[in-house]
Every structure is written in structure tokens, then in C-alpha cells.
Amino acid sequence: MPVEVKMADLVRLELVDPFEAEHEDPKQIAKRLTKAGLIEHFNFKNSIFSLARRASGDCQFLDAKTRRCTVYDKRPNTCRLHPQVGPRPNHCPYGNKAQSR
């Protein structure tokens, strides 16, 4: 599932410098991050960035072998609040099936 983040998350992930976040146009930041392969989409209206994913669809920060987040301490708010926030609130595809109903 795609990970949608805001500018504060990009700063926490150290993909954007705090000074840059405050003074640079988000569209220019999105352009730079897209070119670097770090994001795959930018919603201009809501200023929401979608992090780039691997060909498998996994988050770029998910370790392929251990299936653990490699940036856990700096993870975006979307991940911090999962499963309360997302395309299907209160649903986790990896949890107990009885819990996701």
C-alpha cells in the first residue's frame, strides 16, 4: 500500500532539510525528490507526497529480508498511526482476520 506523507515527515526522514521545507516551493521539492526516486507522486492540492515503492510494491524503507522498518524511529505519521489512518481505517492486512472486521 502506498505511504502518503507530509512535509514534516520528509524532514523527519531527513529527505528534506528543515530550511528547505520552510523556504522552498513544495512543487520544487517534489520535483527534486521524484528525480531522485524518493517519491512517486505529489498531490499539489493537499501537499501530500507518496513515497516511492519497490517493484514488489513494498515501501522503500522496509527491509526485504526481515520485513522490518529500517527508519522506525523516524517513520512517517501515516505509519505511526496505522491502522487508524489509511485507505481502510482500522484494517491491517497482516493482523488477525477477526480484528479487521
N, C-alpha and C. Protein backbone atom coordinates (compact mmCIF):
# COMPACT_ATOMS: atom_id res chain seq x y z
N MET A 1 0.85 -1.17 0.00
CA MET A 1 0.00 0.00 0.00
C MET A 1 0.89 1.23 0.00
N PRO A 2 0.52 2.27 -0.73
CA PRO A 2 1.37 3.47 -0.79
C PRO A 2 1.41 4.20 0.54
N VAL A 3 2.56 4.79 0.81
CA VAL A 3 2.73 5.57 2.05
C VAL A 3 2.65 7.05 1.68
N GLU A 4 1.61 7.70 2.18
CA GLU A 4 1.43 9.13 1.93
C GLU A 4 1.99 9.91 3.11
N VAL A 5 2.79 10.93 2.79
CA VAL A 5 3.47 11.70 3.83
C VAL A 5 3.30 13.20 3.57
N LYS A 6 3.52 13.95 4.62
CA LYS A 6 3.51 15.41 4.52
C LYS A 6 4.95 15.91 4.66
N MET A 7 5.12 17.20 4.50
CA MET A 7 6.46 17.79 4.53
C MET A 7 7.19 17.48 5.84
N ALA A 8 6.48 17.55 6.96
CA ALA A 8 7.11 17.27 8.27
C ALA A 8 7.68 15.86 8.31
N ASP A 9 7.01 14.91 7.67
CA ASP A 9 7.52 13.54 7.61
C ASP A 9 8.80 13.47 6.79
N LEU A 10 8.85 14.21 5.70
CA LEU A 10 10.05 14.22 4.86
C LEU A 10 11.23 14.82 5.60
N VAL A 11 10.95 15.82 6.42
CA VAL A 11 12.02 16.41 7.24
C VAL A 11 12.49 15.39 8.27
N ARG A 12 11.54 14.71 8.94
CA ARG A 12 11.90 13.71 9.94
C ARG A 12 12.71 12.58 9.31
N LEU A 13 12.36 12.19 8.09
CA LEU A 13 13.09 11.14 7.39
C LEU A 13 14.43 11.62 6.84
N GLU A 14 14.69 12.92 6.99
CA GLU A 14 15.91 13.56 6.52
C GLU A 14 16.04 13.52 5.00
N LEU A 15 14.90 13.52 4.31
CA LEU A 15 14.89 13.62 2.86
C LEU A 15 14.83 15.07 2.43
N VAL A 16 14.37 15.93 3.35
CA VAL A 16 14.26 17.37 3.10
C VAL A 16 14.85 18.09 4.30
N ASP A 17 15.65 19.09 4.04
CA ASP A 17 16.24 19.92 5.08
C ASP A 17 15.17 20.84 5.67
N PRO A 18 15.16 21.08 6.98
CA PRO A 18 14.16 21.97 7.58
C PRO A 18 14.12 23.36 6.93
N PHE A 19 15.28 23.91 6.60
CA PHE A 19 15.33 25.22 5.95
C PHE A 19 14.66 25.15 4.58
N GLU A 20 14.97 24.10 3.84
CA GLU A 20 14.38 23.90 2.52
C GLU A 20 12.85 23.77 2.63
N ALA A 21 12.39 23.04 3.62
CA ALA A 21 10.95 22.84 3.80
C ALA A 21 10.23 24.15 4.06
N GLU A 22 10.89 25.04 4.77
CA GLU A 22 10.27 26.31 5.14
C GLU A 22 10.33 27.35 4.01
N HIS A 23 11.37 27.29 3.20
CA HIS A 23 11.60 28.36 2.22
C HIS A 23 11.42 27.96 0.76
N GLU A 24 11.38 26.67 0.48
CA GLU A 24 11.29 26.22 -0.91
C GLU A 24 9.85 25.87 -1.26
N ASP A 25 9.48 26.09 -2.51
CA ASP A 25 8.15 25.72 -3.00
C ASP A 25 8.01 24.20 -2.97
N PRO A 26 6.93 23.67 -2.38
CA PRO A 26 6.74 22.21 -2.33
C PRO A 26 6.80 21.54 -3.70
N LYS A 27 6.37 22.25 -4.74
CA LYS A 27 6.42 21.68 -6.09
C LYS A 27 7.87 21.43 -6.51
N GLN A 28 8.77 22.35 -6.15
CA GLN A 28 10.19 22.17 -6.48
C GLN A 28 10.80 21.02 -5.67
N ILE A 29 10.39 20.93 -4.42
CA ILE A 29 10.88 19.82 -3.58
C ILE A 29 10.39 18.49 -4.17
N ALA A 30 9.12 18.46 -4.56
CA ALA A 30 8.56 17.24 -5.16
C ALA A 30 9.31 16.86 -6.43
N LYS A 31 9.63 17.85 -7.23
CA LYS A 31 10.36 17.60 -8.48
C LYS A 31 11.73 16.97 -8.18
N ARG A 32 12.43 17.54 -7.19
CA ARG A 32 13.76 17.02 -6.82
C ARG A 32 13.66 15.59 -6.29
N LEU A 33 12.68 15.34 -5.41
CA LEU A 33 12.54 14.02 -4.81
C LEU A 33 12.08 12.98 -5.83
N THR A 34 11.26 13.39 -6.78
CA THR A 34 10.83 12.48 -7.85
C THR A 34 12.02 12.09 -8.70
N LYS A 35 12.82 13.09 -9.06
CA LYS A 35 14.00 12.84 -9.88
C LYS A 35 14.98 11.90 -9.17
N ALA A 36 15.06 12.03 -7.83
CA ALA A 36 15.95 11.18 -7.03
C ALA A 36 15.34 9.79 -6.78
N GLY A 37 14.08 9.59 -7.20
CA GLY A 37 13.43 8.29 -7.00
C GLY A 37 12.92 8.07 -5.60
N LEU A 38 12.73 9.14 -4.84
CA LEU A 38 12.29 9.01 -3.45
C LEU A 38 10.78 9.12 -3.28
N ILE A 39 10.12 9.83 -4.19
CA ILE A 39 8.66 9.88 -4.17
C ILE A 39 8.16 9.52 -5.57
N GLU A 40 6.92 9.04 -5.62
CA GLU A 40 6.36 8.69 -6.93
C GLU A 40 5.21 9.60 -7.33
N HIS A 41 4.68 10.37 -6.38
CA HIS A 41 3.57 11.26 -6.71
C HIS A 41 3.50 12.40 -5.70
N PHE A 42 3.03 13.55 -6.16
CA PHE A 42 2.81 14.70 -5.27
C PHE A 42 1.42 15.25 -5.56
N ASN A 43 0.58 15.31 -4.54
CA ASN A 43 -0.75 15.89 -4.66
C ASN A 43 -0.62 17.37 -4.33
N PHE A 44 -0.63 18.21 -5.36
CA PHE A 44 -0.42 19.65 -5.19
C PHE A 44 -1.50 20.29 -4.32
N LYS A 45 -2.73 19.86 -4.51
CA LYS A 45 -3.86 20.45 -3.78
C LYS A 45 -3.73 20.28 -2.27
N ASN A 46 -3.32 19.07 -1.84
CA ASN A 46 -3.24 18.77 -0.41
C ASN A 46 -1.82 18.72 0.14
N SER A 47 -0.84 18.96 -0.71
CA SER A 47 0.58 18.89 -0.31
C SER A 47 0.92 17.55 0.33
N ILE A 48 0.48 16.48 -0.32
CA ILE A 48 0.76 15.13 0.16
C ILE A 48 1.66 14.43 -0.85
N PHE A 49 2.74 13.88 -0.34
CA PHE A 49 3.72 13.16 -1.16
C PHE A 49 3.48 11.66 -0.98
N SER A 50 3.60 10.89 -2.04
CA SER A 50 3.55 9.42 -1.94
C SER A 50 4.97 8.91 -2.11
N LEU A 51 5.46 8.20 -1.10
CA LEU A 51 6.82 7.67 -1.18
C LEU A 51 6.93 6.64 -2.28
N ALA A 52 8.08 6.61 -2.91
CA ALA A 52 8.34 5.61 -3.96
C ALA A 52 8.36 4.23 -3.33
N ARG A 53 7.95 3.25 -4.15
CA ARG A 53 7.93 1.87 -3.69
C ARG A 53 8.82 1.02 -4.59
N ARG A 54 9.20 -0.11 -4.07
CA ARG A 54 9.97 -1.06 -4.87
C ARG A 54 9.04 -1.71 -5.89
N ALA A 55 9.61 -2.43 -6.83
CA ALA A 55 8.82 -3.12 -7.86
C ALA A 55 7.81 -4.08 -7.23
N SER A 56 8.15 -4.61 -6.07
CA SER A 56 7.25 -5.54 -5.36
C SER A 56 6.06 -4.82 -4.73
N GLY A 57 6.12 -3.48 -4.68
CA GLY A 57 5.07 -2.71 -4.03
C GLY A 57 5.40 -2.37 -2.59
N ASP A 58 6.49 -2.94 -2.08
CA ASP A 58 6.91 -2.66 -0.71
C ASP A 58 7.45 -1.25 -0.57
N CYS A 59 7.31 -0.71 0.61
CA CYS A 59 7.90 0.58 0.94
C CYS A 59 9.41 0.49 0.79
N GLN A 60 10.00 1.57 0.33
CA GLN A 60 11.46 1.58 0.14
C GLN A 60 12.22 1.43 1.46
N PHE A 61 11.56 1.69 2.57
CA PHE A 61 12.21 1.60 3.88
C PHE A 61 11.95 0.29 4.60
N LEU A 62 11.30 -0.65 3.92
CA LEU A 62 11.03 -1.96 4.51
C LEU A 62 12.14 -2.91 4.12
N ASP A 63 12.80 -3.51 5.11
CA ASP A 63 13.86 -4.46 4.82
C ASP A 63 13.25 -5.71 4.19
N ALA A 64 13.73 -6.09 3.03
CA ALA A 64 13.16 -7.20 2.27
C ALA A 64 13.29 -8.54 2.99
N LYS A 65 14.35 -8.72 3.76
CA LYS A 65 14.55 -10.00 4.44
C LYS A 65 13.84 -10.06 5.78
N THR A 66 14.04 -9.07 6.62
CA THR A 66 13.46 -9.10 7.97
C THR A 66 12.02 -8.60 8.02
N ARG A 67 11.60 -7.87 6.96
CA ARG A 67 10.26 -7.26 6.90
C ARG A 67 10.05 -6.25 8.01
N ARG A 68 11.14 -5.63 8.44
CA ARG A 68 11.08 -4.59 9.48
C ARG A 68 11.44 -3.25 8.87
N CYS A 69 10.87 -2.21 9.46
CA CYS A 69 11.12 -0.85 9.01
C CYS A 69 12.56 -0.45 9.34
N THR A 70 13.25 0.09 8.35
CA THR A 70 14.64 0.48 8.54
C THR A 70 14.77 1.91 9.09
N VAL A 71 13.65 2.63 9.14
CA VAL A 71 13.65 4.01 9.65
C VAL A 71 12.61 4.15 10.76
N TYR A 72 12.45 3.12 11.55
CA TYR A 72 11.36 3.05 12.54
C TYR A 72 11.29 4.29 13.43
N ASP A 73 12.41 4.75 13.95
CA ASP A 73 12.41 5.92 14.84
C ASP A 73 12.02 7.20 14.12
N LYS A 74 12.18 7.23 12.81
CA LYS A 74 11.88 8.42 12.02
C LYS A 74 10.65 8.22 11.12
N ARG A 75 9.94 7.12 11.30
CA ARG A 75 8.85 6.76 10.39
C ARG A 75 7.79 7.86 10.28
N PRO A 76 7.12 7.95 9.13
CA PRO A 76 6.09 8.97 8.92
C PRO A 76 4.88 8.77 9.82
N ASN A 77 4.11 9.83 9.99
CA ASN A 77 2.91 9.75 10.82
C ASN A 77 1.92 8.71 10.31
N THR A 78 1.84 8.52 9.02
CA THR A 78 0.95 7.50 8.46
C THR A 78 1.28 6.14 9.05
N CYS A 79 2.55 5.84 9.16
CA CYS A 79 2.98 4.56 9.72
C CYS A 79 2.79 4.53 11.23
N ARG A 80 3.05 5.65 11.88
CA ARG A 80 2.87 5.73 13.33
C ARG A 80 1.43 5.50 13.73
N LEU A 81 0.51 5.95 12.91
CA LEU A 81 -0.92 5.88 13.23
C LEU A 81 -1.63 4.68 12.59
N HIS A 82 -0.90 3.87 11.84
CA HIS A 82 -1.52 2.70 11.20
C HIS A 82 -1.95 1.71 12.26
N PRO A 83 -3.10 1.12 12.23
CA PRO A 83 -4.09 1.14 11.16
C PRO A 83 -5.22 2.17 11.34
N GLN A 84 -5.08 3.11 12.25
CA GLN A 84 -6.14 4.10 12.44
C GLN A 84 -6.30 5.01 11.23
N VAL A 85 -5.22 5.21 10.45
CA VAL A 85 -5.23 6.09 9.29
C VAL A 85 -4.86 5.26 8.07
N GLY A 86 -5.50 5.49 6.98
CA GLY A 86 -5.16 4.80 5.75
C GLY A 86 -6.38 4.58 4.88
N PRO A 87 -6.19 3.83 3.79
CA PRO A 87 -7.30 3.61 2.86
C PRO A 87 -8.47 2.87 3.51
N ARG A 88 -8.16 1.99 4.46
CA ARG A 88 -9.20 1.25 5.18
C ARG A 88 -8.93 1.38 6.68
N PRO A 89 -9.40 2.46 7.31
CA PRO A 89 -9.13 2.67 8.73
C PRO A 89 -9.49 1.44 9.58
N ASN A 90 -8.64 1.17 10.55
CA ASN A 90 -8.78 0.06 11.49
C ASN A 90 -8.63 -1.31 10.85
N HIS A 91 -8.09 -1.37 9.65
CA HIS A 91 -7.85 -2.65 8.99
C HIS A 91 -6.36 -2.81 8.76
N CYS A 92 -5.83 -3.92 9.21
CA CYS A 92 -4.44 -4.25 8.92
C CYS A 92 -4.42 -5.58 8.19
N PRO A 93 -3.92 -5.63 6.95
CA PRO A 93 -3.95 -6.86 6.18
C PRO A 93 -3.09 -7.97 6.79
N TYR A 94 -2.22 -7.62 7.73
CA TYR A 94 -1.36 -8.63 8.34
C TYR A 94 -1.85 -9.07 9.71
N GLY A 95 -2.92 -8.45 10.20
CA GLY A 95 -3.43 -8.78 11.52
C GLY A 95 -4.38 -9.96 11.48
N ASN A 96 -4.94 -10.28 12.63
CA ASN A 96 -5.91 -11.34 12.78
C ASN A 96 -7.16 -10.98 11.98
N LYS A 97 -7.69 -11.91 11.21
CA LYS A 97 -8.85 -11.64 10.36
C LYS A 97 -10.05 -11.19 11.20
N ALA A 98 -10.21 -11.70 12.38
CA ALA A 98 -11.34 -11.32 13.24
C ALA A 98 -11.22 -9.87 13.67
N GLN A 99 -9.98 -9.36 13.82
CA GLN A 99 -9.77 -7.99 14.24
C GLN A 99 -10.07 -7.00 13.13
N SER A 100 -9.94 -7.40 11.89
CA SER A 100 -10.09 -6.46 10.78
C SER A 100 -11.55 -6.26 10.36
N ARG A 101 -12.46 -6.93 11.00
CA ARG A 101 -13.88 -6.80 10.63
C ARG A 101 -14.56 -5.69 11.35
